[in-house]
Amino acid sequence: MPKSKRSKVTTLSKTPVRSTKASKVALVNEVQQQIDSYDHVWLFSVGDMRNEGLKELRSQWRGTGRFFLGRGKVMAKSLGETEETEYQEGLAKLARRIKGPVGLFMTSHPVGETVEWFESYSKKEYARMGASATQDITLPEGPLLTPYADPPMGDPFPHSMEPQLRQLGLNTTLVRGVPSLNNPHVLCRKGEKLSSEKCRILKLLGVQMSEFRIHLGSRWSKGEGFVAGEDKATDGDAADEVEDGAMDEDED
């Protein structure tokens, strides 16, 4: 008699692949090889973590710099956390500062020019739940237009979006096939924490309230050793978007 399929258990969740000892050893070796190749090792933190932003940076610095992010304990081990185990003299002081969602950036580019470049670099992004609004936004009565502008200008939303707009909390109706507000709507005030619904509305309106940028902190340089810098702590959730080890090293 054939086995019944009714008793078969189907697992819908995926078990994440854990780092193997071999992959950790490979990362340690890779970090140490790059230390030999470059003159400076920077500790960096990220404001509003975004994978796409990191990929863009990696592309711009390809051939002149390397980024390692994730697996903080492995990166610290690569540098050496004590004077007895440090890979180069002074690296242990940098290793002990690897806490939370921070990474290593290696380059031979001059220190002053590197700092200036990162201070001038930023990329606008859409806000995520929990972020603070950077401006007041009040949507006027009448047709909803995108991208958002004050005074209103742009293209109306398609009629098929009207149910979704209502689900997000907007008091809308279809007027001649165009989703329209029945009265003015205060979407957000500057400084308030944004809800998931408000973030989705802002994205639909094309309003970007977050900013991706890199902050360089302490560094280690050949011939100079460890140089203390301002190491900024970031929110623990900032690293959630980056899968463990996903940005540990660049792909050539």
C-alpha atoms as a PDB file:
ATOM      1  CA  MET A   1       0.000   0.000   0.000  1.00  0.00           C
ATOM      2  CA  PRO A   2       1.514   3.395  -0.982  1.00  0.00           C
ATOM      3  CA  LYS A   3       2.582   5.728   1.825  1.00  0.00           C
ATOM      4  CA  SER A   4       0.089   8.493   2.527  1.00  0.00           C
ATOM      5  CA  LYS A   5       1.266  11.997   1.668  1.00  0.00           C
ATOM      6  CA  ARG A   6      -1.064  13.520   4.247  1.00  0.00           C
ATOM      7  CA  SER A   7       1.387  12.862   7.044  1.00  0.00           C
ATOM      8  CA  LYS A   8       4.264  14.487   5.213  1.00  0.00           C
ATOM      9  CA  VAL A   9       5.664  17.514   7.051  1.00  0.00           C
ATOM     10  CA  THR A  10       6.611  20.429   4.814  1.00  0.00           C
ATOM     11  CA  THR A  11       9.008  23.022   6.243  1.00  0.00           C
ATOM     12  CA  LEU A  12       8.287  26.488   4.899  1.00  0.00           C
ATOM     13  CA  SER A  13      11.133  28.274   6.678  1.00  0.00           C
ATOM     14  CA  LYS A  14      14.718  28.283   5.499  1.00  0.00           C
ATOM     15  CA  THR A  15      17.584  27.495   7.813  1.00  0.00           C
ATOM     16  CA  PRO A  16      20.308  30.132   7.425  1.00  0.00           C
ATOM     17  CA  VAL A  17      23.687  28.845   6.373  1.00  0.00           C
ATOM     18  CA  ARG A  18      26.100  29.283   9.245  1.00  0.00           C
ATOM     19  CA  SER A  19      29.679  30.313   8.786  1.00  0.00           C
ATOM     20  CA  THR A  20      32.034  27.383   8.613  1.00  0.00           C
ATOM     21  CA  LYS A  21      35.450  27.252  10.184  1.00  0.00           C
ATOM     22  CA  ALA A  22      36.994  27.177   6.726  1.00  0.00           C
ATOM     23  CA  SER A  23      35.194  30.381   5.664  1.00  0.00           C
ATOM     24  CA  LYS A  24      36.340  32.154   8.822  1.00  0.00           C
ATOM     25  CA  VAL A  25      39.942  31.089   8.240  1.00  0.00           C
ATOM     26  CA  ALA A  26      39.656  32.283   4.637  1.00  0.00           C
ATOM     27  CA  LEU A  27      38.370  35.668   5.811  1.00  0.00           C
ATOM     28  CA  VAL A  28      41.206  36.022   8.323  1.00  0.00           C
ATOM     29  CA  ASN A  29      43.732  35.269   5.596  1.00  0.00           C
ATOM     30  CA  GLU A  30      42.046  37.683   3.179  1.00  0.00           C
ATOM     31  CA  VAL A  31      42.030  40.553   5.679  1.00  0.00           C
ATOM     32  CA  GLN A  32      45.689  40.003   6.504  1.00  0.00           C
ATOM     33  CA  GLN A  33      46.640  39.866   2.828  1.00  0.00           C
ATOM     34  CA  GLN A  34      44.912  43.197   2.264  1.00  0.00           C
ATOM     35  CA  ILE A  35      46.726  44.709   5.258  1.00  0.00           C
ATOM     36  CA  ASP A  36      49.960  43.814   3.479  1.00  0.00           C
ATOM     37  CA  SER A  37      48.675  45.364   0.241  1.00  0.00           C
ATOM     38  CA  TYR A  38      47.460  48.723   1.560  1.00  0.00           C
ATOM     39  CA  ASP A  39      48.985  51.468   3.700  1.00  0.00           C
ATOM     40  CA  HIS A  40      45.972  52.347   5.843  1.00  0.00           C
ATOM     41  CA  VAL A  41      43.294  50.381   7.701  1.00  0.00           C
ATOM     42  CA  TRP A  42      40.289  52.513   8.687  1.00  0.00           C
ATOM     43  CA  LEU A  43      37.491  51.663  11.100  1.00  0.00           C
ATOM     44  CA  PHE A  44      34.181  52.896   9.682  1.00  0.00           C
ATOM     45  CA  SER A  45      30.525  53.031  10.677  1.00  0.00           C
ATOM     46  CA  VAL A  46      27.503  53.526   8.474  1.00  0.00           C
ATOM     47  CA  GLY A  47      24.629  55.966   8.831  1.00  0.00           C
ATOM     48  CA  ASP A  48      21.385  54.240   7.768  1.00  0.00           C
ATOM     49  CA  MET A  49      22.725  50.951   6.458  1.00  0.00           C
ATOM     50  CA  ARG A  50      21.874  50.166   2.817  1.00  0.00           C
ATOM     51  CA  ASN A  51      23.293  47.328   0.739  1.00  0.00           C
ATOM     52  CA  GLU A  52      22.975  49.296  -2.496  1.00  0.00           C
ATOM     53  CA  GLY A  53      24.931  52.192  -1.019  1.00  0.00           C
ATOM     54  CA  LEU A  54      27.750  49.897   0.027  1.00  0.00           C
ATOM     55  CA  LYS A  55      27.832  48.279  -3.410  1.00  0.00           C
ATOM     56  CA  GLU A  56      28.086  51.720  -5.010  1.00  0.00           C
ATOM     57  CA  LEU A  57      30.978  52.677  -2.722  1.00  0.00           C
ATOM     58  CA  ARG A  58      32.711  49.386  -3.416  1.00  0.00           C
ATOM     59  CA  SER A  59      32.423  50.063  -7.139  1.00  0.00           C
ATOM     60  CA  GLN A  60      33.821  53.597  -6.830  1.00  0.00           C
ATOM     61  CA  TRP A  61      36.821  52.416  -4.806  1.00  0.00           C
ATOM     62  CA  ARG A  62      37.460  49.272  -6.824  1.00  0.00           C
ATOM     63  CA  GLY A  63      41.197  48.862  -7.310  1.00  0.00           C
ATOM     64  CA  THR A  64      42.066  51.570  -4.753  1.00  0.00           C
ATOM     65  CA  GLY A  65      40.326  50.317  -1.607  1.00  0.00           C
ATOM     66  CA  ARG A  66      38.642  47.312   0.031  1.00  0.00           C
ATOM     67  CA  PHE A  67      35.645  47.183   2.368  1.00  0.00           C
ATOM     68  CA  PHE A  68      35.021  44.501   4.991  1.00  0.00           C
ATOM     69  CA  LEU A  69      31.746  44.526   6.927  1.00  0.00           C
ATOM     70  CA  GLY A  70      30.214  41.847   9.144  1.00  0.00           C
ATOM     71  CA  ARG A  71      31.653  39.082  11.345  1.00  0.00           C
ATOM     72  CA  GLY A  72      33.189  41.576  13.743  1.00  0.00           C
ATOM     73  CA  LYS A  73      34.829  38.918  15.906  1.00  0.00           C
ATOM     74  CA  VAL A  74      36.525  37.384  12.889  1.00  0.00           C
ATOM     75  CA  MET A  75      37.760  40.779  11.683  1.00  0.00           C
ATOM     76  CA  ALA A  76      39.104  41.516  15.163  1.00  0.00           C
ATOM     77  CA  LYS A  77      40.880  38.165  15.183  1.00  0.00           C
ATOM     78  CA  SER A  78      42.377  38.989  11.791  1.00  0.00           C
ATOM     79  CA  LEU A  79      43.989  42.086  13.255  1.00  0.00           C
ATOM     80  CA  GLY A  80      44.885  40.455  16.566  1.00  0.00           C
ATOM     81  CA  GLU A  81      43.247  41.568  19.800  1.00  0.00           C
ATOM     82  CA  THR A  82      46.359  41.532  21.986  1.00  0.00           C
ATOM     83  CA  GLU A  83      49.912  42.750  21.588  1.00  0.00           C
ATOM     84  CA  GLU A  84      51.024  39.123  21.464  1.00  0.00           C
ATOM     85  CA  THR A  85      48.645  38.130  18.647  1.00  0.00           C
ATOM     86  CA  GLU A  86      48.363  41.360  16.595  1.00  0.00           C
ATOM     87  CA  TYR A  87      49.237  40.951  12.911  1.00  0.00           C
ATOM     88  CA  GLN A  88      51.172  44.224  12.830  1.00  0.00           C
ATOM     89  CA  GLU A  89      52.275  46.429  15.710  1.00  0.00           C
ATOM     90  CA  GLY A  90      49.389  48.664  16.781  1.00  0.00           C
ATOM     91  CA  LEU A  91      46.585  46.699  15.145  1.00  0.00           C
ATOM     92  CA  ALA A  92      45.370  45.311  18.482  1.00  0.00           C
ATOM     93  CA  LYS A  93      44.216  48.782  19.506  1.00  0.00           C
ATOM     94  CA  LEU A  94      42.110  48.964  16.354  1.00  0.00           C
ATOM     95  CA  ALA A  95      40.777  45.430  16.848  1.00  0.00           C
ATOM     96  CA  ARG A  96      39.524  46.239  20.338  1.00  0.00           C
ATOM     97  CA  ARG A  97      37.385  49.036  18.846  1.00  0.00           C
ATOM     98  CA  ILE A  98      35.470  46.684  16.562  1.00  0.00           C
ATOM     99  CA  LYS A  99      32.135  46.666  18.374  1.00  0.00           C
ATOM    100  CA  GLY A 100      28.687  46.601  16.817  1.00  0.00           C
ATOM    101  CA  PRO A 101      27.980  47.239  13.112  1.00  0.00           C
ATOM    102  CA  VAL A 102      31.346  48.625  12.068  1.00  0.00           C
ATOM    103  CA  GLY A 103      33.692  47.612   9.276  1.00  0.00           C
ATOM    104  CA  LEU A 104      37.225  47.924   7.953  1.00  0.00           C
ATOM    105  CA  PHE A 105      38.232  50.003   4.959  1.00  0.00           C
ATOM    106  CA  MET A 106      41.709  49.552   3.524  1.00  0.00           C
ATOM    107  CA  THR A 107      43.389  51.899   1.075  1.00  0.00           C
ATOM    108  CA  SER A 108      46.709  53.522   0.214  1.00  0.00           C
ATOM    109  CA  HIS A 109      44.990  56.806  -0.666  1.00  0.00           C
ATOM    110  CA  PRO A 110      46.378  59.802   1.322  1.00  0.00           C
ATOM    111  CA  VAL A 111      44.709  60.225   4.708  1.00  0.00           C
ATOM    112  CA  GLY A 112      43.574  63.826   4.233  1.00  0.00           C
ATOM    113  CA  GLU A 113      42.072  63.193   0.805  1.00  0.00           C
ATOM    114  CA  THR A 114      40.325  60.050   2.036  1.00  0.00           C
ATOM    115  CA  VAL A 115      38.684  61.889   4.950  1.00  0.00           C
ATOM    116  CA  GLU A 116      37.639  64.744   2.670  1.00  0.00           C
ATOM    117  CA  TRP A 117      36.126  62.344   0.127  1.00  0.00           C
ATOM    118  CA  PHE A 118      33.981  60.495   2.666  1.00  0.00           C
ATOM    119  CA  GLU A 119      32.881  63.699   4.388  1.00  0.00           C
ATOM    120  CA  SER A 120      31.545  64.971   1.061  1.00  0.00           C
ATOM    121  CA  TYR A 121      29.878  61.684   0.065  1.00  0.00           C
ATOM    122  CA  SER A 122      26.234  61.018   0.861  1.00  0.00           C
ATOM    123  CA  LYS A 123      23.274  59.407  -0.849  1.00  0.00           C
ATOM    124  CA  LYS A 124      19.614  60.176  -0.252  1.00  0.00           C
ATOM    125  CA  GLU A 125      17.433  57.178   0.625  1.00  0.00           C
ATOM    126  CA  TYR A 126      13.830  56.468   1.529  1.00  0.00           C
ATOM    127  CA  ALA A 127      13.148  56.474   5.257  1.00  0.00           C
ATOM    128  CA  ARG A 128      12.382  53.271   7.097  1.00  0.00           C
ATOM    129  CA  MET A 129      10.113  52.715  10.086  1.00  0.00           C
ATOM    130  CA  GLY A 130      11.462  54.420  13.202  1.00  0.00           C
ATOM    131  CA  ALA A 131      13.408  57.089  11.325  1.00  0.00           C
ATOM    132  CA  SER A 132      12.792  60.752  12.166  1.00  0.00           C
ATOM    133  CA  ALA A 133      11.006  62.992   9.685  1.00  0.00           C
ATOM    134  CA  THR A 134      13.268  65.722   8.348  1.00  0.00           C
ATOM    135  CA  GLN A 135      10.471  68.106   7.320  1.00  0.00           C
ATOM    136  CA  ASP A 136       6.797  68.895   7.726  1.00  0.00           C
ATOM    137  CA  ILE A 137       4.612  67.467   4.970  1.00  0.00           C
ATOM    138  CA  THR A 138       0.955  68.368   4.582  1.00  0.00           C
ATOM    139  CA  LEU A 139      -0.886  66.956   1.595  1.00  0.00           C
ATOM    140  CA  PRO A 140      -3.468  69.400   0.185  1.00  0.00           C
ATOM    141  CA  GLU A 141      -7.051  68.537  -0.582  1.00  0.00           C
ATOM    142  CA  GLY A 142      -7.545  67.289  -4.113  1.00  0.00           C
ATOM    143  CA  PRO A 143      -5.663  64.970  -6.494  1.00  0.00           C
ATOM    144  CA  LEU A 144      -2.618  63.176  -5.081  1.00  0.00           C
ATOM    145  CA  LEU A 145       0.404  63.892  -7.254  1.00  0.00           C
ATOM    146  CA  THR A 146       3.820  62.287  -7.437  1.00  0.00           C
ATOM    147  CA  PRO A 147       6.574  63.240  -6.983  1.00  0.00           C
ATOM    148  CA  TYR A 148       5.514  65.361  -4.027  1.00  0.00           C
ATOM    149  CA  ALA A 149       6.129  69.089  -4.331  1.00  0.00           C
ATOM    150  CA  ASP A 150       4.951  72.263  -2.613  1.00  0.00           C
ATOM    151  CA  PRO A 151       3.122  73.803  -4.429  1.00  0.00           C
ATOM    152  CA  PRO A 152       1.674  70.596  -5.935  1.00  0.00           C
ATOM    153  CA  MET A 153       3.022  69.582  -9.313  1.00  0.00           C
ATOM    154  CA  GLY A 154       3.557  66.225 -10.971  1.00  0.00           C
ATOM    155  CA  ASP A 155       1.512  63.320 -12.221  1.00  0.00           C
ATOM    156  CA  PRO A 156      -1.585  61.842 -10.520  1.00  0.00           C
ATOM    157  CA  PHE A 157      -1.563  58.340  -9.092  1.00  0.00           C
ATOM    158  CA  PRO A 158      -3.294  55.699 -11.238  1.00  0.00           C
ATOM    159  CA  HIS A 159      -6.853  54.810 -10.196  1.00  0.00           C
ATOM    160  CA  SER A 160      -5.717  51.286  -9.241  1.00  0.00           C
ATOM    161  CA  MET A 161      -3.655  52.781  -6.353  1.00  0.00           C
ATOM    162  CA  GLU A 162      -6.670  54.270  -4.561  1.00  0.00           C
ATOM    163  CA  PRO A 163      -7.466  51.188  -2.389  1.00  0.00           C
ATOM    164  CA  GLN A 164      -3.835  50.947  -1.299  1.00  0.00           C
ATOM    165  CA  LEU A 165      -3.737  54.644  -0.402  1.00  0.00           C
ATOM    166  CA  ARG A 166      -6.830  54.207   1.777  1.00  0.00           C
ATOM    167  CA  GLN A 167      -5.278  51.172   3.482  1.00  0.00           C
ATOM    168  CA  LEU A 168      -2.283  53.342   4.375  1.00  0.00           C
ATOM    169  CA  GLY A 169      -4.548  55.778   6.217  1.00  0.00           C
ATOM    170  CA  LEU A 170      -5.299  58.433   3.617  1.00  0.00           C
ATOM    171  CA  ASN A 171      -8.914  59.604   3.273  1.00  0.00           C
ATOM    172  CA  THR A 172      -9.152  59.300  -0.498  1.00  0.00           C
ATOM    173  CA  THR A 173     -11.819  58.784  -3.129  1.00  0.00           C
ATOM    174  CA  LEU A 174     -11.757  58.516  -6.895  1.00  0.00           C
ATOM    175  CA  VAL A 175     -12.595  61.796  -8.621  1.00  0.00           C
ATOM    176  CA  ARG A 176     -12.811  61.386 -12.389  1.00  0.00           C
ATOM    177  CA  GLY A 177     -10.574  58.345 -12.070  1.00  0.00           C
ATOM    178  CA  VAL A 178      -7.901  60.121  -9.996  1.00  0.00           C
ATOM    179  CA  PRO A 179      -7.198  59.258  -6.303  1.00  0.00           C
ATOM    180  CA  SER A 180      -7.944  62.460  -4.400  1.00  0.00           C
ATOM    181  CA  LEU A 181      -7.873  63.575  -0.771  1.00  0.00           C
ATOM    182  CA  ASN A 182     -11.195  64.680   0.668  1.00  0.00           C
ATOM    183  CA  ASN A 183      -9.460  67.157   2.975  1.00  0.00           C
ATOM    184  CA  PRO A 184      -5.894  68.328   3.768  1.00  0.00           C
ATOM    185  CA  HIS A 185      -3.814  65.627   5.479  1.00  0.00           C
ATOM    186  CA  VAL A 186      -0.842  66.216   7.795  1.00  0.00           C
ATOM    187  CA  LEU A 187       1.427  63.331   6.868  1.00  0.00           C
ATOM    188  CA  CYS A 188       4.302  64.098   9.257  1.00  0.00           C
ATOM    189  CA  ARG A 189       5.942  66.754  11.362  1.00  0.00           C
ATOM    190  CA  LYS A 190       9.681  67.365  11.504  1.00  0.00           C
ATOM    191  CA  GLY A 191      11.315  65.236  14.198  1.00  0.00           C
ATOM    192  CA  GLU A 192       8.513  62.705  14.675  1.00  0.00           C
ATOM    193  CA  LYS A 193       9.193  58.973  14.419  1.00  0.00           C
ATOM    194  CA  LEU A 194       7.796  57.594  11.180  1.00  0.00           C
ATOM    195  CA  SER A 195       5.488  54.596  11.137  1.00  0.00           C
ATOM    196  CA  SER A 196       5.652  51.865   8.531  1.00  0.00           C
ATOM    197  CA  GLU A 197       2.564  53.279   6.778  1.00  0.00           C
ATOM    198  CA  LYS A 198       3.983  56.790   6.616  1.00  0.00           C
ATOM    199  CA  CYS A 199       7.273  55.479   5.218  1.00  0.00           C
ATOM    200  CA  ARG A 200       5.361  53.676   2.472  1.00  0.00           C
ATOM    201  CA  ILE A 201       3.388  56.813   1.625  1.00  0.00           C
ATOM    202  CA  LEU A 202       6.583  58.893   1.502  1.00  0.00           C
ATOM    203  CA  LYS A 203       8.120  56.367  -0.859  1.00  0.00           C
ATOM    204  CA  LEU A 204       5.056  56.478  -3.110  1.00  0.00           C
ATOM    205  CA  LEU A 205       5.337  60.269  -3.116  1.00  0.00           C
ATOM    206  CA  GLY A 206       9.051  60.114  -3.964  1.00  0.00           C
ATOM    207  CA  VAL A 207      10.145  61.833  -0.727  1.00  0.00           C
ATOM    208  CA  GLN A 208      13.553  60.713   0.581  1.00  0.00           C
ATOM    209  CA  MET A 209      14.185  61.551   4.239  1.00  0.00           C
ATOM    210  CA  SER A 210      17.165  59.334   5.041  1.00  0.00           C
ATOM    211  CA  GLU A 211      20.813  59.615   4.128  1.00  0.00           C
ATOM    212  CA  PHE A 212      23.424  56.931   3.588  1.00  0.00           C
ATOM    213  CA  ARG A 213      26.953  57.978   4.468  1.00  0.00           C
ATOM    214  CA  ILE A 214      30.183  56.513   5.820  1.00  0.00           C
ATOM    215  CA  HIS A 215      31.929  57.830   8.918  1.00  0.00           C
ATOM    216  CA  LEU A 216      35.650  57.131   9.224  1.00  0.00           C
ATOM    217  CA  GLY A 217      36.964  56.687  12.752  1.00  0.00           C
ATOM    218  CA  SER A 218      40.263  55.354  14.080  1.00  0.00           C
ATOM    219  CA  ARG A 219      42.906  53.999  11.727  1.00  0.00           C
ATOM    220  CA  TRP A 220      46.174  52.129  11.535  1.00  0.00           C
ATOM    221  CA  SER A 221      48.881  53.196   9.099  1.00  0.00           C
ATOM    222  CA  LYS A 222      52.163  51.613   8.100  1.00  0.00           C
ATOM    223  CA  GLY A 223      55.066  53.406   9.704  1.00  0.00           C
ATOM    224  CA  GLU A 224      52.725  55.352  11.993  1.00  0.00           C
ATOM    225  CA  GLY A 225      50.772  52.665  13.818  1.00  0.00           C
ATOM    226  CA  PHE A 226      47.448  53.238  15.546  1.00  0.00           C
ATOM    227  CA  VAL A 227      45.814  56.680  15.330  1.00  0.00           C
ATOM    228  CA  ALA A 228      42.726  57.253  17.488  1.00  0.00           C
ATOM    229  CA  GLY A 229      39.681  58.789  15.842  1.00  0.00           C
ATOM    230  CA  GLU A 230      36.048  59.474  16.635  1.00  0.00           C
ATOM    231  CA  ASP A 231      34.404  56.068  16.411  1.00  0.00           C
ATOM    232  CA  LYS A 232      30.660  56.571  16.212  1.00  0.00           C
ATOM    233  CA  ALA A 233      28.337  53.880  17.520  1.00  0.00           C
ATOM    234  CA  THR A 234      25.369  53.065  15.291  1.00  0.00           C
ATOM    235  CA  ASP A 235      22.023  51.457  16.020  1.00  0.00           C
ATOM    236  CA  GLY A 236      22.168  47.690  16.263  1.00  0.00           C
ATOM    237  CA  ASP A 237      19.323  47.410  13.763  1.00  0.00           C
ATOM    238  CA  ALA A 238      21.392  49.185  11.154  1.00  0.00           C
ATOM    239  CA  ALA A 239      23.274  46.019  10.369  1.00  0.00           C
ATOM    240  CA  ASP A 240      20.187  43.843  10.100  1.00  0.00           C
ATOM    241  CA  GLU A 241      19.849  44.518   6.388  1.00  0.00           C
ATOM    242  CA  VAL A 242      23.327  43.144   5.708  1.00  0.00           C
ATOM    243  CA  GLU A 243      23.418  39.365   5.895  1.00  0.00           C
ATOM    244  CA  ASP A 244      26.220  38.098   8.117  1.00  0.00           C
ATOM    245  CA  GLY A 245      29.349  38.148   6.038  1.00  0.00           C
ATOM    246  CA  ALA A 246      27.587  39.344   2.864  1.00  0.00           C
ATOM    247  CA  MET A 247      29.794  42.415   2.595  1.00  0.00           C
ATOM    248  CA  ASP A 248      32.909  41.001   4.216  1.00  0.00           C
ATOM    249  CA  GLU A 249      34.955  41.365   1.099  1.00  0.00           C
ATOM    250  CA  ASP A 250      34.753  42.788  -2.414  1.00  0.00           C
ATOM    251  CA  GLU A 251      34.393  40.648  -5.440  1.00  0.00           C
ATOM    252  CA  ASP A 252      36.980  41.410  -8.034  1.00  0.00           C
END
